[in-house]
Amino acid sequence: MKLSIPPYVLTCITDVTMFTTAIKKFHQDLNTQVLVVSDVLKKAELGIEVASKTLVGLKELVEQEDFEDVPQEIYFFKHLKPCPMSYLIYFTEMRTCELRKPKAGASFQTRFYKKELRKINKFFNRNMNFVRYMEEGHTYLDHQFFTRNAQQNFPMTPMLYTYDYPDFSCSHDMLWAQVQAMYRLIHYIRDALKTINPNSEAVYMPQKHHVMLWSGSKTALVELIYALYASQYLNHGLSDLNIIVSSFEDFFNIKLDGVYKTYGEIKARKGSKTKFLEELILKLEYKIRQDDT
């Protein structure tokens, strides 16, 4: 579902360039320095470092410039700050899991991850009304949730109090970041269970779609994935590229190796860079014409 942005917020987006530039730099560092790392602990530590650095920079910008109006404030606390904050929570939780999980014994490790999944489910149950409000794209409580004049106390991980400064926080920005982080943590636990036991996915996650097979080229699929990633229509634009790739691999029962390399080859094409997407447009238009005749 696409998260709708109300008109009063759209009018202020062009006025937050300094904030959006910092978020763009964060995503660049995330994709080039963090997500490409295979070692989980090292990835978590680098992710914490990059997210923390971004949050410190955002805090300094808020202190120096503040917000011109309430719509800009809402946009910042609803759409911008929760991005690096959610990754800080996610990588912190990932690192904690890696350090706390049993060092040996598949059954012990499986029980550990099952317990973590139960914690995540309890978190979503506790906050179901807020999660529904956000995922359905509502805005009528934004002034209460995402402005600093309506702050309330919400439970947070102790280390995250570092970012609970009065001028850099509102009542629900941290909670929204936690929601996003928990979605990412589910994918991390799913992958961990698959590593322990290839059959664990059938127990803890939805069944694979064995009927759906991708019969086109892998390059075409990568082009489609990057188009959806760029559109930010998946999970409100919060899913990183690796999660999207993993989801497509599960759905189409395919392994996509060298996605970044393939994307580089797409960018280096002579002529059209989006051949597959243009082919889809032509085929859909032809289908529509045929149905209308």
Protein backbone atom coordinates (compact mmCIF):
# COMPACT_ATOMS: atom_id res chain seq x y z
CA MET A 1 0.00 0.00 0.00
CA LYS A 2 1.29 3.43 -0.90
CA LEU A 3 1.48 5.82 2.01
CA SER A 4 -0.50 8.88 0.95
CA ILE A 5 0.98 12.29 1.62
CA PRO A 6 -1.63 15.01 2.22
CA PRO A 7 -1.59 18.17 0.07
CA TYR A 8 -0.58 20.38 2.98
CA VAL A 9 2.57 18.27 3.36
CA LEU A 10 3.36 18.19 -0.36
CA THR A 11 3.59 21.98 -0.36
CA CYS A 12 6.47 21.90 2.10
CA ILE A 13 8.61 19.15 0.56
CA THR A 14 10.55 21.57 -1.61
CA ASP A 15 11.45 23.51 1.54
CA VAL A 16 13.20 20.62 3.29
CA THR A 17 16.05 20.13 0.82
CA MET A 18 18.69 20.21 3.53
CA PHE A 19 16.94 17.33 5.33
CA THR A 20 16.20 15.24 2.24
CA THR A 21 19.81 15.63 1.09
CA ALA A 22 20.95 14.07 4.36
CA ILE A 23 18.50 11.17 3.91
CA LYS A 24 19.66 10.63 0.31
CA LYS A 25 23.28 10.49 1.53
CA PHE A 26 22.21 7.99 4.21
CA HIS A 27 20.68 5.65 1.61
CA GLN A 28 23.80 5.92 -0.56
CA ASP A 29 26.04 4.98 2.36
CA LEU A 30 23.64 2.22 3.38
CA ASN A 31 23.67 0.62 -0.07
CA THR A 32 27.40 1.01 -0.77
CA GLN A 33 28.95 0.52 2.67
CA VAL A 34 26.55 -1.58 4.76
CA LEU A 35 24.16 -3.82 2.81
CA VAL A 36 26.97 -5.18 0.64
CA VAL A 37 28.70 -6.66 3.72
CA SER A 38 28.07 -10.40 4.16
CA ASP A 39 29.16 -10.81 7.79
CA VAL A 40 26.05 -10.11 9.89
CA LEU A 41 27.81 -8.66 12.93
CA LYS A 42 30.02 -6.43 10.82
CA LYS A 43 27.00 -5.31 8.80
CA ALA A 44 25.11 -4.45 12.00
CA GLU A 45 28.03 -2.47 13.44
CA LEU A 46 28.49 -0.50 10.22
CA GLY A 47 24.76 0.09 9.98
CA ILE A 48 24.63 1.44 13.53
CA GLU A 49 27.53 3.75 12.74
CA VAL A 50 26.01 5.12 9.52
CA ALA A 51 22.52 5.57 11.04
CA SER A 52 23.90 7.26 14.16
CA LYS A 53 26.00 9.64 12.10
CA THR A 54 22.96 10.60 10.03
CA LEU A 55 20.81 11.20 13.11
CA VAL A 56 23.46 13.42 14.66
CA GLY A 57 23.59 15.43 11.43
CA LEU A 58 19.81 15.76 11.31
CA LYS A 59 19.70 16.89 14.93
CA GLU A 60 22.28 19.61 14.20
CA LEU A 61 20.24 20.78 11.20
CA VAL A 62 17.08 21.00 13.31
CA GLU A 63 18.93 22.97 15.98
CA GLN A 64 20.38 25.37 13.41
CA GLU A 65 17.39 25.84 11.11
CA ASP A 66 14.31 24.40 12.86
CA PHE A 67 11.10 24.20 10.78
CA GLU A 68 9.36 26.97 8.89
CA ASP A 69 5.86 25.71 9.66
CA VAL A 70 3.87 22.79 11.06
CA PRO A 71 3.54 20.87 7.75
CA GLN A 72 7.32 20.84 7.41
CA GLU A 73 7.64 19.61 11.00
CA ILE A 74 5.14 16.81 10.38
CA TYR A 75 6.90 15.79 7.17
CA PHE A 76 10.25 15.60 8.98
CA PHE A 77 9.06 13.51 11.94
CA LYS A 78 6.77 11.28 9.86
CA HIS A 79 8.82 10.67 6.71
CA LEU A 80 12.47 11.65 7.28
CA LYS A 81 13.80 11.08 10.79
CA PRO A 82 12.17 7.63 11.19
CA CYS A 83 14.19 6.35 8.22
CA PRO A 84 17.69 6.36 9.80
CA MET A 85 16.13 5.85 13.24
CA SER A 86 14.44 2.64 12.09
CA TYR A 87 17.71 1.32 10.70
CA LEU A 88 19.49 2.16 13.95
CA ILE A 89 16.88 0.13 15.85
CA TYR A 90 16.99 -2.68 13.27
CA PHE A 91 20.76 -3.04 13.24
CA THR A 92 20.84 -2.81 17.05
CA GLU A 93 18.29 -5.61 17.34
CA MET A 94 20.14 -7.65 14.72
CA ARG A 95 23.42 -7.26 16.59
CA THR A 96 21.73 -8.23 19.88
CA CYS A 97 20.28 -11.36 18.27
CA GLU A 98 23.64 -12.38 16.85
CA LEU A 99 25.37 -11.94 20.20
CA ARG A 100 22.64 -13.64 22.27
CA LYS A 101 21.72 -16.59 20.07
CA PRO A 102 22.98 -20.04 21.15
CA LYS A 103 26.38 -20.79 19.65
CA ALA A 104 25.58 -24.42 18.86
CA GLY A 105 22.60 -26.69 18.37
CA ALA A 106 20.05 -26.11 15.62
CA SER A 107 17.12 -26.82 17.96
CA PHE A 108 18.35 -24.29 20.53
CA GLN A 109 18.87 -21.65 17.85
CA THR A 110 15.44 -22.32 16.35
CA ARG A 111 13.76 -21.92 19.75
CA PHE A 112 15.66 -18.67 20.25
CA TYR A 113 14.40 -17.21 16.96
CA LYS A 114 10.85 -18.42 17.65
CA LYS A 115 10.96 -16.48 20.91
CA GLU A 116 12.14 -13.37 19.03
CA LEU A 117 9.22 -13.74 16.61
CA ARG A 118 6.81 -13.93 19.53
CA LYS A 119 8.24 -10.67 20.86
CA ILE A 120 7.69 -9.02 17.49
CA ASN A 121 4.10 -10.26 17.35
CA LYS A 122 3.46 -8.89 20.83
CA PHE A 123 4.88 -5.52 19.78
CA PHE A 124 2.51 -5.33 16.80
CA ASN A 125 -0.43 -6.42 18.95
CA ARG A 126 0.32 -3.68 21.48
CA ASN A 127 0.47 -1.04 18.78
CA MET A 128 -2.09 -2.34 16.30
CA ASN A 129 -4.16 0.87 16.23
CA PHE A 130 -1.17 3.07 15.41
CA VAL A 131 0.17 0.59 12.84
CA ARG A 132 -3.22 0.53 11.15
CA TYR A 133 -3.38 4.33 11.17
CA MET A 134 -0.02 4.56 9.42
CA GLU A 135 -0.44 1.70 6.98
CA GLU A 136 -3.86 2.95 5.84
CA GLY A 137 -2.35 6.35 5.09
CA HIS A 138 -4.41 8.38 7.55
CA THR A 139 -3.39 11.94 8.42
CA TYR A 140 -6.07 13.26 10.78
CA LEU A 141 -3.91 12.72 13.89
CA ASP A 142 -0.63 13.85 12.37
CA HIS A 143 -0.64 17.11 14.34
CA GLN A 144 -0.85 15.08 17.54
CA PHE A 145 1.56 12.31 16.54
CA PHE A 146 4.25 14.19 14.63
CA THR A 147 4.64 17.64 16.17
CA ARG A 148 6.62 18.50 19.26
CA ASN A 149 3.82 20.35 21.02
CA ALA A 150 1.96 17.10 21.78
CA GLN A 151 4.71 14.90 23.18
CA GLN A 152 3.87 11.85 25.24
CA ASN A 153 6.04 9.22 26.84
CA PHE A 154 6.55 5.99 24.93
CA PRO A 155 8.76 3.03 25.93
CA MET A 156 12.04 2.97 24.07
CA THR A 157 15.18 0.90 24.05
CA PRO A 158 17.53 2.49 26.64
CA MET A 159 20.34 3.23 24.19
CA LEU A 160 17.90 5.12 21.98
CA TYR A 161 17.23 7.78 24.60
CA THR A 162 20.26 9.49 23.07
CA TYR A 163 17.91 10.73 20.34
CA ASP A 164 15.04 11.69 22.68
CA TYR A 165 15.95 15.38 22.83
CA PRO A 166 12.87 17.63 23.27
CA ASP A 167 13.62 19.61 20.10
CA PHE A 168 14.40 16.48 18.08
CA SER A 169 11.47 14.28 19.09
CA CYS A 170 7.71 14.07 18.99
CA SER A 171 5.34 11.58 20.55
CA HIS A 172 5.27 8.95 17.77
CA ASP A 173 8.34 9.31 15.54
CA MET A 174 10.22 6.73 17.60
CA LEU A 175 7.29 4.32 17.61
CA TRP A 176 6.93 4.63 13.82
CA ALA A 177 10.66 3.91 13.47
CA GLN A 178 10.26 0.83 15.68
CA VAL A 179 7.42 -0.45 13.47
CA GLN A 180 9.61 -0.16 10.39
CA ALA A 181 12.52 -1.82 12.18
CA MET A 182 10.39 -4.77 13.28
CA TYR A 183 9.30 -5.43 9.71
CA ARG A 184 12.97 -5.62 8.69
CA LEU A 185 13.76 -7.82 11.69
CA ILE A 186 11.17 -10.35 10.52
CA HIS A 187 13.11 -10.74 7.27
CA TYR A 188 16.37 -11.14 9.17
CA ILE A 189 14.86 -13.89 11.38
CA ARG A 190 13.35 -15.61 8.35
CA ASP A 191 16.75 -15.75 6.68
CA ALA A 192 18.34 -17.00 9.92
CA LEU A 193 15.79 -19.81 10.20
CA LYS A 194 16.36 -20.78 6.56
CA THR A 195 20.08 -21.02 7.26
CA ILE A 196 19.52 -23.28 10.29
CA ASN A 197 16.95 -25.49 8.59
CA PRO A 198 15.88 -25.09 4.94
CA ASN A 199 12.44 -26.46 5.90
CA SER A 200 11.89 -23.84 8.59
CA GLU A 201 10.34 -21.43 6.11
CA ALA A 202 7.36 -23.73 5.69
CA VAL A 203 6.81 -23.57 9.47
CA TYR A 204 7.43 -19.92 10.28
CA MET A 205 6.75 -18.07 7.03
CA PRO A 206 4.17 -18.26 4.24
CA GLN A 207 4.54 -21.05 1.74
CA LYS A 208 6.54 -20.41 -1.42
CA HIS A 209 4.54 -19.88 -4.58
CA HIS A 210 5.61 -23.05 -6.37
CA VAL A 211 3.33 -22.37 -9.35
CA MET A 212 4.77 -18.95 -10.18
CA LEU A 213 7.96 -19.21 -12.23
CA TRP A 214 9.80 -16.34 -13.87
CA SER A 215 10.27 -17.28 -17.52
CA GLY A 216 11.85 -14.02 -18.66
CA SER A 217 15.48 -13.04 -18.37
CA LYS A 218 17.00 -12.30 -14.98
CA THR A 219 18.09 -8.92 -16.30
CA ALA A 220 14.47 -8.05 -17.05
CA LEU A 221 13.47 -9.04 -13.52
CA VAL A 222 16.24 -6.90 -12.03
CA GLU A 223 15.02 -3.97 -14.13
CA LEU A 224 11.51 -4.47 -12.75
CA ILE A 225 12.79 -4.73 -9.18
CA TYR A 226 14.80 -1.51 -9.46
CA ALA A 227 11.78 0.27 -10.96
CA LEU A 228 9.63 -0.74 -7.98
CA TYR A 229 12.44 0.17 -5.58
CA ALA A 230 12.76 3.61 -7.17
CA SER A 231 8.98 4.14 -7.09
CA GLN A 232 8.93 3.71 -3.27
CA TYR A 233 5.55 1.98 -3.58
CA LEU A 234 6.62 -1.10 -1.58
CA ASN A 235 6.16 -0.86 2.20
CA HIS A 236 5.79 2.92 1.93
CA GLY A 237 9.26 3.13 0.39
CA LEU A 238 10.83 1.62 3.51
CA SER A 239 12.05 -1.70 2.12
CA ASP A 240 15.71 -1.77 1.21
CA LEU A 241 16.77 -3.35 -2.07
CA ASN A 242 17.97 -6.62 -0.53
CA ILE A 243 14.57 -7.28 1.04
CA ILE A 244 12.78 -6.62 -2.25
CA VAL A 245 15.16 -8.93 -4.11
CA SER A 246 14.68 -11.64 -1.49
CA SER A 247 10.89 -11.34 -1.76
CA PHE A 248 11.01 -11.70 -5.55
CA GLU A 249 13.33 -14.70 -5.23
CA ASP A 250 10.81 -16.37 -2.91
CA PHE A 251 7.80 -15.54 -5.04
CA PHE A 252 9.29 -16.69 -8.35
CA ASN A 253 11.51 -19.48 -6.97
CA ILE A 254 14.58 -17.94 -8.57
CA LYS A 255 18.07 -16.99 -7.41
CA LEU A 256 19.26 -13.53 -8.42
CA ASP A 257 23.04 -13.32 -8.11
CA GLY A 258 25.00 -10.18 -8.89
CA VAL A 259 22.03 -7.80 -8.77
CA TYR A 260 24.23 -4.73 -8.38
CA LYS A 261 26.38 -5.84 -11.32
CA THR A 262 23.30 -6.41 -13.46
CA TYR A 263 22.02 -2.95 -12.57
CA GLY A 264 25.37 -1.52 -13.63
CA GLU A 265 24.99 -3.25 -16.99
CA ILE A 266 21.48 -1.80 -17.34
CA LYS A 267 22.80 1.71 -16.68
CA ALA A 268 25.57 1.16 -19.26
CA ARG A 269 23.16 0.21 -22.05
CA LYS A 270 23.38 2.13 -25.27
CA GLY A 271 20.04 3.60 -26.19
CA SER A 272 17.10 2.87 -23.92
CA LYS A 273 17.96 1.97 -20.31
CA THR A 274 14.48 0.56 -19.62
CA LYS A 275 13.85 -1.88 -22.46
CA PHE A 276 11.81 -4.33 -20.40
CA LEU A 277 9.56 -1.68 -18.86
CA GLU A 278 8.91 -0.19 -22.29
CA GLU A 279 8.09 -3.67 -23.58
CA LEU A 280 5.56 -4.06 -20.76
CA ILE A 281 3.91 -0.77 -21.70
CA LEU A 282 3.60 -1.78 -25.35
CA LYS A 283 2.16 -5.18 -24.49
CA LEU A 284 -0.35 -3.74 -22.02
CA GLU A 285 -1.49 -1.10 -24.51
CA TYR A 286 -1.88 -3.81 -27.18
CA LYS A 287 -3.89 -5.94 -24.72
CA ILE A 288 -6.19 -2.99 -23.92
CA ARG A 289 -6.77 -2.28 -27.62
CA GLN A 290 -7.53 -5.93 -28.31
CA ASP A 291 -10.04 -6.07 -25.46
CA ASP A 292 -11.78 -2.93 -26.70
CA THR A 293 -12.31 -4.28 -30.23
